[in-house]
Amino acid sequence: MPDSIAVPTGVQPISFDVHAVRGGSPGGARDDFETMIAQLAAATTPGVRSVAANPGDWGIDAFAGNLGGAITVWQSKYFMPATTKKHVQQVKDSLDNVLKAAIKNGHTIACWILCIPSSMDGPMTAWWDTWTKAQEKEHSLVIQLWDETALRKKLLSPEGDDVRRGFYETYSQAAPAPAPIEQLRLVLEVEDDKAAALGSALFIRQMTEAGHVELDSAKRQFFNADLVAREIAHKDVPAEVAALSSADATLHGLWEMQFNECAAEDALRVLHPRVWRDVRNEHDKLPKSLRLELVHSWGLVHRLVDNRKAGWVQHRRQIAAEHSAG
């Protein structure tokens, strides 16, 4: 969880989404963020310069020092809304490129700073901590990370104030900024070991009892929804906790209504598709602050089942009791 950054009264909160709004495209967002990083580096470190791409930029977005000796390099990557293990190769390639260019052009890298407008998730953080130690030892350099927490701290410092005003207070009250583009959460793949572990979960047992054979998508839905729920519990922001509780209550109500109707009609075999149809119809009405994809909404239903609040067969309570005993 990022450290809290105190924002002085009257200062507009910093949203790194503005680069996408102003840039108008993924490429435009990257370029705008890169320009901001170069200016922030120059504001906080003496002698910072950029290298024009002609044809390549030597892997350098901004640098301090002398290209005939040792330099500090800033590398920007516009990873939004989170930095995950799908970004590993891009990070590795960036460092490889700057090191190869240094050897070819006769300078050395004393410090390499990766700048990202988001936070790393757990797996990415674990990889980063291990990888950076190995790279520092192998190449005799220092690696730093300017993530969203570090960037906000620097932008709110006296040195970074002009950069903050220029990039994040660019719209006057007479012409307010367009509403930020809503960034939905990433939908992640389930690693093989985690998928195997989920095979013994209660929600999978309930689906098996109901006659379902293919279960991979259910595992992915549950996995992604569980990540959302754990993140919200960890951050413990009251508004987010309340939003998740509201979504759970809505989805539980959809399941309960369909369960009662299917039980009365002796049609529990169609319970699952009916609930899924209702979840699909209700998805857009769930709290926007949760930023859920439809996969997450379906996964929240699986969490209800796993928490013994729902099920897919008439004897769901008996299955839950047996599962607890087992």
Protein backbone atom coordinates (compact mmCIF):
# COMPACT_ATOMS: atom_id res chain seq x y z
CA MET A 1 0.00 0.00 0.00
CA PRO A 2 1.48 3.40 -0.97
CA ASP A 3 2.41 5.72 1.89
CA SER A 4 -0.05 8.52 2.52
CA ILE A 5 1.06 11.88 1.14
CA ALA A 6 -0.26 14.99 2.88
CA VAL A 7 -1.73 17.45 0.38
CA PRO A 8 -1.74 21.09 1.50
CA THR A 9 -5.16 22.75 1.69
CA GLY A 10 -6.14 24.17 -1.68
CA VAL A 11 -3.69 22.04 -3.67
CA GLN A 12 -5.32 19.99 -6.41
CA PRO A 13 -4.73 16.23 -5.93
CA ILE A 14 -2.27 14.74 -8.39
CA SER A 15 -3.83 12.28 -10.86
CA PHE A 16 -1.46 10.56 -13.26
CA ASP A 17 -4.49 9.71 -15.44
CA VAL A 18 -4.23 13.26 -16.80
CA HIS A 19 -1.40 12.17 -19.11
CA ALA A 20 -3.84 9.87 -20.94
CA VAL A 21 -6.42 12.67 -21.16
CA ARG A 22 -3.93 15.19 -22.47
CA GLY A 23 -2.02 12.73 -24.66
CA GLY A 24 -5.16 11.39 -26.30
CA SER A 25 -3.61 7.98 -26.99
CA PRO A 26 -1.31 5.45 -25.29
CA GLY A 27 1.67 6.86 -27.19
CA GLY A 28 0.68 10.42 -26.33
CA ALA A 29 0.33 9.50 -22.66
CA ARG A 30 3.80 7.94 -22.63
CA ASP A 31 5.36 11.01 -24.27
CA ASP A 32 3.60 13.42 -21.91
CA PHE A 33 4.65 11.42 -18.84
CA GLU A 34 8.23 11.22 -20.15
CA THR A 35 8.33 15.01 -20.55
CA MET A 36 7.08 15.44 -16.98
CA ILE A 37 9.77 13.08 -15.65
CA ALA A 38 12.52 14.99 -17.45
CA GLN A 39 11.30 18.27 -15.97
CA LEU A 40 10.90 16.80 -12.48
CA ALA A 41 14.41 15.32 -12.65
CA ALA A 42 15.77 18.71 -13.73
CA ALA A 43 13.91 20.45 -10.91
CA THR A 44 15.31 18.13 -8.24
CA THR A 45 18.81 17.40 -9.61
CA PRO A 46 21.31 19.89 -11.08
CA GLY A 47 22.50 19.51 -14.67
CA VAL A 48 19.78 17.19 -16.03
CA ARG A 49 19.53 16.90 -19.83
CA SER A 50 17.64 14.78 -22.38
CA VAL A 51 18.86 12.85 -25.43
CA ALA A 52 16.98 13.36 -28.71
CA ALA A 53 16.03 10.20 -30.60
CA ASN A 54 18.26 10.40 -33.70
CA PRO A 55 17.55 7.61 -34.48
CA GLY A 56 17.71 6.16 -30.96
CA ASP A 57 17.96 7.85 -27.56
CA TRP A 58 20.50 5.37 -26.11
CA GLY A 59 17.83 4.17 -23.65
CA ILE A 60 17.94 7.56 -21.90
CA ASP A 61 14.85 9.67 -21.19
CA ALA A 62 16.86 12.09 -19.02
CA PHE A 63 20.35 12.00 -17.53
CA ALA A 64 22.70 13.87 -15.22
CA GLY A 65 26.48 13.78 -15.55
CA ASN A 66 28.86 13.63 -18.48
CA LEU A 67 28.40 11.24 -21.40
CA GLY A 68 32.16 10.80 -21.42
CA GLY A 69 32.02 9.38 -17.88
CA ALA A 70 29.48 8.14 -15.33
CA ILE A 71 25.85 9.25 -15.55
CA THR A 72 22.53 8.91 -13.73
CA VAL A 73 19.67 7.88 -16.02
CA TRP A 74 15.92 8.38 -15.61
CA GLN A 75 13.74 5.88 -17.53
CA SER A 76 9.98 6.51 -17.67
CA LYS A 77 7.38 3.79 -18.24
CA TYR A 78 3.70 4.75 -18.30
CA PHE A 79 2.33 1.59 -16.65
CA MET A 80 -1.27 2.17 -15.58
CA PRO A 81 -3.30 1.48 -13.49
CA ALA A 82 -0.81 -0.92 -11.83
CA THR A 83 2.63 -2.32 -12.54
CA THR A 84 2.46 -6.12 -12.68
CA LYS A 85 4.59 -9.05 -13.79
CA LYS A 86 3.38 -8.59 -17.38
CA HIS A 87 5.69 -5.54 -17.37
CA VAL A 88 8.80 -7.48 -16.31
CA GLN A 89 10.23 -7.88 -19.82
CA GLN A 90 9.85 -4.19 -20.61
CA VAL A 91 11.72 -3.27 -17.43
CA LYS A 92 14.51 -5.77 -18.15
CA ASP A 93 14.80 -4.61 -21.77
CA SER A 94 15.06 -0.96 -20.67
CA LEU A 95 18.03 -1.63 -18.40
CA ASP A 96 19.67 -3.93 -20.97
CA ASN A 97 19.36 -1.25 -23.67
CA VAL A 98 20.87 1.51 -21.56
CA LEU A 99 23.78 -0.72 -20.49
CA LYS A 100 24.50 -1.82 -24.07
CA ALA A 101 24.39 1.79 -25.28
CA ALA A 102 26.78 2.80 -22.50
CA ILE A 103 29.33 0.19 -23.58
CA LYS A 104 28.97 1.17 -27.24
CA ASN A 105 29.22 4.92 -26.67
CA GLY A 106 31.89 5.07 -23.99
CA HIS A 107 30.11 6.03 -20.80
CA THR A 108 29.03 4.16 -17.66
CA ILE A 109 25.78 4.00 -15.69
CA ALA A 110 26.21 4.97 -12.05
CA CYS A 111 22.50 5.09 -11.21
CA TRP A 112 19.38 3.96 -13.11
CA ILE A 113 15.99 5.29 -11.97
CA LEU A 114 12.77 3.66 -13.15
CA CYS A 115 9.82 6.09 -13.09
CA ILE A 116 6.25 4.71 -13.12
CA PRO A 117 2.94 6.49 -12.38
CA SER A 118 1.52 3.53 -10.45
CA SER A 119 2.41 1.06 -7.71
CA MET A 120 3.76 -2.46 -8.18
CA ASP A 121 1.51 -5.31 -7.10
CA GLY A 122 2.79 -7.99 -4.72
CA PRO A 123 4.35 -10.42 -7.22
CA MET A 124 5.96 -7.57 -9.17
CA THR A 125 7.36 -6.03 -5.98
CA ALA A 126 8.91 -9.36 -4.94
CA TRP A 127 10.46 -9.77 -8.40
CA TRP A 128 11.74 -6.17 -8.45
CA ASP A 129 13.41 -6.43 -5.03
CA THR A 130 15.26 -9.61 -6.02
CA TRP A 131 16.12 -8.53 -9.57
CA THR A 132 17.47 -5.09 -8.63
CA LYS A 133 19.85 -6.54 -6.04
CA ALA A 134 21.26 -8.93 -8.63
CA GLN A 135 21.61 -6.20 -11.27
CA GLU A 136 23.29 -3.79 -8.87
CA LYS A 137 25.84 -6.43 -7.95
CA GLU A 138 26.45 -7.60 -11.52
CA HIS A 139 26.78 -4.14 -13.10
CA SER A 140 28.13 -2.10 -10.14
CA LEU A 141 25.37 0.50 -10.27
CA VAL A 142 22.53 1.81 -8.09
CA ILE A 143 18.89 1.21 -9.08
CA GLN A 144 16.09 3.39 -7.72
CA LEU A 145 12.31 3.42 -8.14
CA TRP A 146 10.19 6.53 -8.53
CA ASP A 147 6.68 5.03 -8.30
CA GLU A 148 3.45 6.96 -7.71
CA THR A 149 4.24 7.48 -4.02
CA ALA A 150 7.76 8.78 -4.65
CA LEU A 151 6.58 10.95 -7.56
CA ARG A 152 3.82 12.59 -5.52
CA LYS A 153 6.28 13.34 -2.72
CA LYS A 154 8.72 14.98 -5.16
CA LEU A 155 5.95 16.90 -6.97
CA LEU A 156 4.65 18.26 -3.65
CA SER A 157 8.12 19.37 -2.58
CA PRO A 158 9.18 23.02 -3.06
CA GLU A 159 11.55 21.95 -5.86
CA GLY A 160 8.82 20.10 -7.76
CA ASP A 161 6.03 22.66 -7.28
CA ASP A 162 6.38 24.33 -10.70
CA VAL A 163 6.29 20.94 -12.44
CA ARG A 164 3.20 19.94 -10.48
CA ARG A 165 1.45 23.19 -11.41
CA GLY A 166 2.41 22.87 -15.06
CA PHE A 167 1.23 19.27 -15.50
CA TYR A 168 -1.53 18.80 -12.94
CA GLU A 169 -3.13 22.24 -12.61
CA THR A 170 -3.28 23.07 -16.29
CA TYR A 171 -7.05 23.66 -16.47
CA SER A 172 -8.52 26.90 -15.17
CA GLN A 173 -11.82 27.07 -13.33
CA ALA A 174 -13.34 28.77 -16.37
CA ALA A 175 -12.39 25.73 -18.48
CA PRO A 176 -12.43 22.70 -16.15
CA ALA A 177 -10.51 19.58 -17.03
CA PRO A 178 -12.37 16.78 -18.79
CA ALA A 179 -13.44 13.96 -16.54
CA PRO A 180 -10.58 11.46 -16.16
CA ILE A 181 -10.88 8.28 -18.17
CA GLU A 182 -12.09 5.59 -15.80
CA GLN A 183 -9.40 2.94 -15.51
CA LEU A 184 -10.86 -0.52 -14.94
CA ARG A 185 -8.88 -3.03 -12.95
CA LEU A 186 -6.57 -5.48 -14.67
CA VAL A 187 -7.80 -9.03 -15.14
CA LEU A 188 -4.88 -11.29 -14.29
CA GLU A 189 -4.11 -14.84 -15.28
CA VAL A 190 -3.99 -17.45 -12.51
CA GLU A 191 -0.59 -19.04 -12.10
CA ASP A 192 -0.56 -22.84 -12.27
CA ASP A 193 0.23 -23.38 -8.59
CA LYS A 194 -2.55 -21.03 -7.49
CA ALA A 195 -5.02 -22.66 -9.90
CA ALA A 196 -4.15 -26.08 -8.48
CA ALA A 197 -4.69 -24.81 -4.92
CA LEU A 198 -8.11 -23.41 -5.87
CA GLY A 199 -9.15 -26.90 -6.99
CA SER A 200 -9.94 -27.75 -3.38
CA ALA A 201 -11.89 -24.55 -2.66
CA LEU A 202 -15.51 -24.69 -1.55
CA PHE A 203 -16.84 -22.73 -4.54
CA ILE A 204 -15.26 -25.32 -6.88
CA ARG A 205 -16.77 -28.14 -4.81
CA GLN A 206 -20.20 -26.53 -5.13
CA MET A 207 -19.83 -26.21 -8.92
CA THR A 208 -18.69 -29.80 -9.20
CA GLU A 209 -21.74 -30.95 -7.22
CA ALA A 210 -23.90 -28.96 -9.64
CA GLY A 211 -22.40 -30.87 -12.57
CA HIS A 212 -19.94 -28.35 -13.95
CA VAL A 213 -16.91 -29.88 -15.64
CA GLU A 214 -14.85 -26.96 -17.01
CA LEU A 215 -13.77 -24.75 -14.10
CA ASP A 216 -10.78 -22.71 -15.29
CA SER A 217 -12.74 -19.50 -15.91
CA ALA A 218 -14.41 -19.80 -12.48
CA LYS A 219 -10.97 -20.00 -10.85
CA ARG A 220 -9.82 -16.92 -12.73
CA GLN A 221 -12.97 -15.01 -11.77
CA PHE A 222 -12.58 -15.90 -8.10
CA PHE A 223 -8.83 -15.16 -8.11
CA ASN A 224 -9.29 -11.65 -9.52
CA ALA A 225 -12.24 -10.79 -7.27
CA ASP A 226 -10.34 -12.04 -4.23
CA LEU A 227 -7.41 -9.77 -5.11
CA VAL A 228 -9.79 -6.80 -5.18
CA ALA A 229 -11.34 -7.73 -1.84
CA ARG A 230 -7.94 -8.26 -0.18
CA GLU A 231 -6.62 -4.96 -1.51
CA ILE A 232 -9.65 -3.07 -0.19
CA ALA A 233 -9.40 -4.79 3.19
CA HIS A 234 -5.69 -3.98 3.38
CA LYS A 235 -6.10 -0.30 2.46
CA ASP A 236 -9.12 -0.03 4.79
CA VAL A 237 -10.51 3.09 3.12
CA PRO A 238 -14.07 3.41 4.54
CA ALA A 239 -15.64 4.46 1.22
CA GLU A 240 -14.10 1.49 -0.62
CA VAL A 241 -15.03 -0.96 2.14
CA ALA A 242 -18.62 0.33 2.01
CA ALA A 243 -18.69 0.07 -1.81
CA LEU A 244 -17.54 -3.55 -1.72
CA SER A 245 -20.09 -4.37 0.99
CA SER A 246 -22.79 -2.81 -1.19
CA ALA A 247 -21.72 -4.86 -4.21
CA ASP A 248 -21.67 -8.06 -2.13
CA ALA A 249 -25.16 -7.32 -0.82
CA THR A 250 -26.52 -6.69 -4.31
CA LEU A 251 -25.01 -9.86 -5.76
CA HIS A 252 -26.12 -11.93 -2.77
CA GLY A 253 -29.65 -10.66 -3.32
CA LEU A 254 -29.56 -11.66 -6.99
CA TRP A 255 -28.39 -15.16 -6.09
CA GLU A 256 -30.95 -15.61 -3.30
CA MET A 257 -33.87 -14.54 -5.48
CA GLN A 258 -32.88 -16.96 -8.25
CA PHE A 259 -32.14 -19.78 -5.79
CA ASN A 260 -35.58 -19.49 -4.24
CA GLU A 261 -37.29 -19.37 -7.64
CA CYS A 262 -35.32 -22.31 -9.03
CA ALA A 263 -35.93 -24.36 -5.88
CA ALA A 264 -39.66 -23.72 -6.11
CA GLU A 265 -39.64 -24.72 -9.80
CA ASP A 266 -37.40 -27.75 -9.15
CA ALA A 267 -35.02 -26.19 -11.70
CA LEU A 268 -31.74 -25.76 -9.81
CA ARG A 269 -29.93 -27.07 -12.90
CA VAL A 270 -30.44 -23.62 -14.47
CA LEU A 271 -29.57 -21.65 -11.32
CA HIS A 272 -26.02 -20.88 -12.42
CA PRO A 273 -26.85 -19.43 -15.89
CA ARG A 274 -29.75 -17.42 -14.44
CA VAL A 275 -27.55 -15.85 -11.80
CA TRP A 276 -24.87 -15.12 -14.40
CA ARG A 277 -27.44 -13.42 -16.62
CA ASP A 278 -28.57 -11.24 -13.69
CA VAL A 279 -24.97 -10.38 -12.73
CA ARG A 280 -24.25 -9.33 -16.31
CA ASN A 281 -27.34 -7.08 -16.30
CA GLU A 282 -26.52 -5.59 -12.88
CA HIS A 283 -22.77 -5.14 -13.43
CA ASP A 284 -22.91 -1.54 -14.72
CA LYS A 285 -24.97 -0.52 -11.66
CA LEU A 286 -22.38 -1.67 -9.11
CA PRO A 287 -20.34 1.08 -7.39
CA LYS A 288 -18.10 2.74 -10.00
CA SER A 289 -15.41 3.39 -7.41
CA LEU A 290 -14.61 -0.34 -7.39
CA ARG A 291 -13.60 -0.18 -11.10
CA LEU A 292 -14.76 -3.74 -11.68
CA GLU A 293 -14.63 -5.67 -14.92
CA LEU A 294 -17.45 -8.18 -15.44
CA VAL A 295 -14.97 -10.93 -14.50
CA HIS A 296 -14.61 -9.36 -11.05
CA SER A 297 -18.38 -9.20 -10.55
CA TRP A 298 -18.74 -12.89 -11.38
CA GLY A 299 -15.81 -13.61 -9.08
CA LEU A 300 -17.56 -11.83 -6.21
CA VAL A 301 -20.39 -14.35 -6.53
CA HIS A 302 -17.86 -17.18 -6.23
CA ARG A 303 -16.53 -15.49 -3.07
CA LEU A 304 -20.05 -15.52 -1.64
CA VAL A 305 -20.17 -19.26 -2.31
CA ASP A 306 -16.71 -19.78 -0.84
CA ASN A 307 -17.79 -17.85 2.27
CA ARG A 308 -20.80 -20.19 2.66
CA LYS A 309 -23.35 -17.48 1.88
CA ALA A 310 -24.48 -19.06 -1.40
CA GLY A 311 -24.30 -22.27 -3.38
CA TRP A 312 -25.38 -24.05 -6.55
CA VAL A 313 -27.28 -27.09 -5.24
CA GLN A 314 -30.16 -27.75 -2.85
CA HIS A 315 -27.89 -29.33 -0.23
CA ARG A 316 -25.36 -26.47 -0.32
CA ARG A 317 -25.26 -26.13 3.48
CA GLN A 318 -24.44 -29.82 3.90
CA ILE A 319 -21.59 -29.50 1.38
CA ALA A 320 -20.26 -26.44 3.21
CA ALA A 321 -20.36 -28.30 6.54
CA GLU A 322 -18.58 -31.34 5.06
CA HIS A 323 -15.99 -29.08 3.47
CA SER A 324 -15.27 -27.41 6.82
CA ALA A 325 -14.94 -30.77 8.53
CA GLY A 326 -12.65 -32.01 5.78
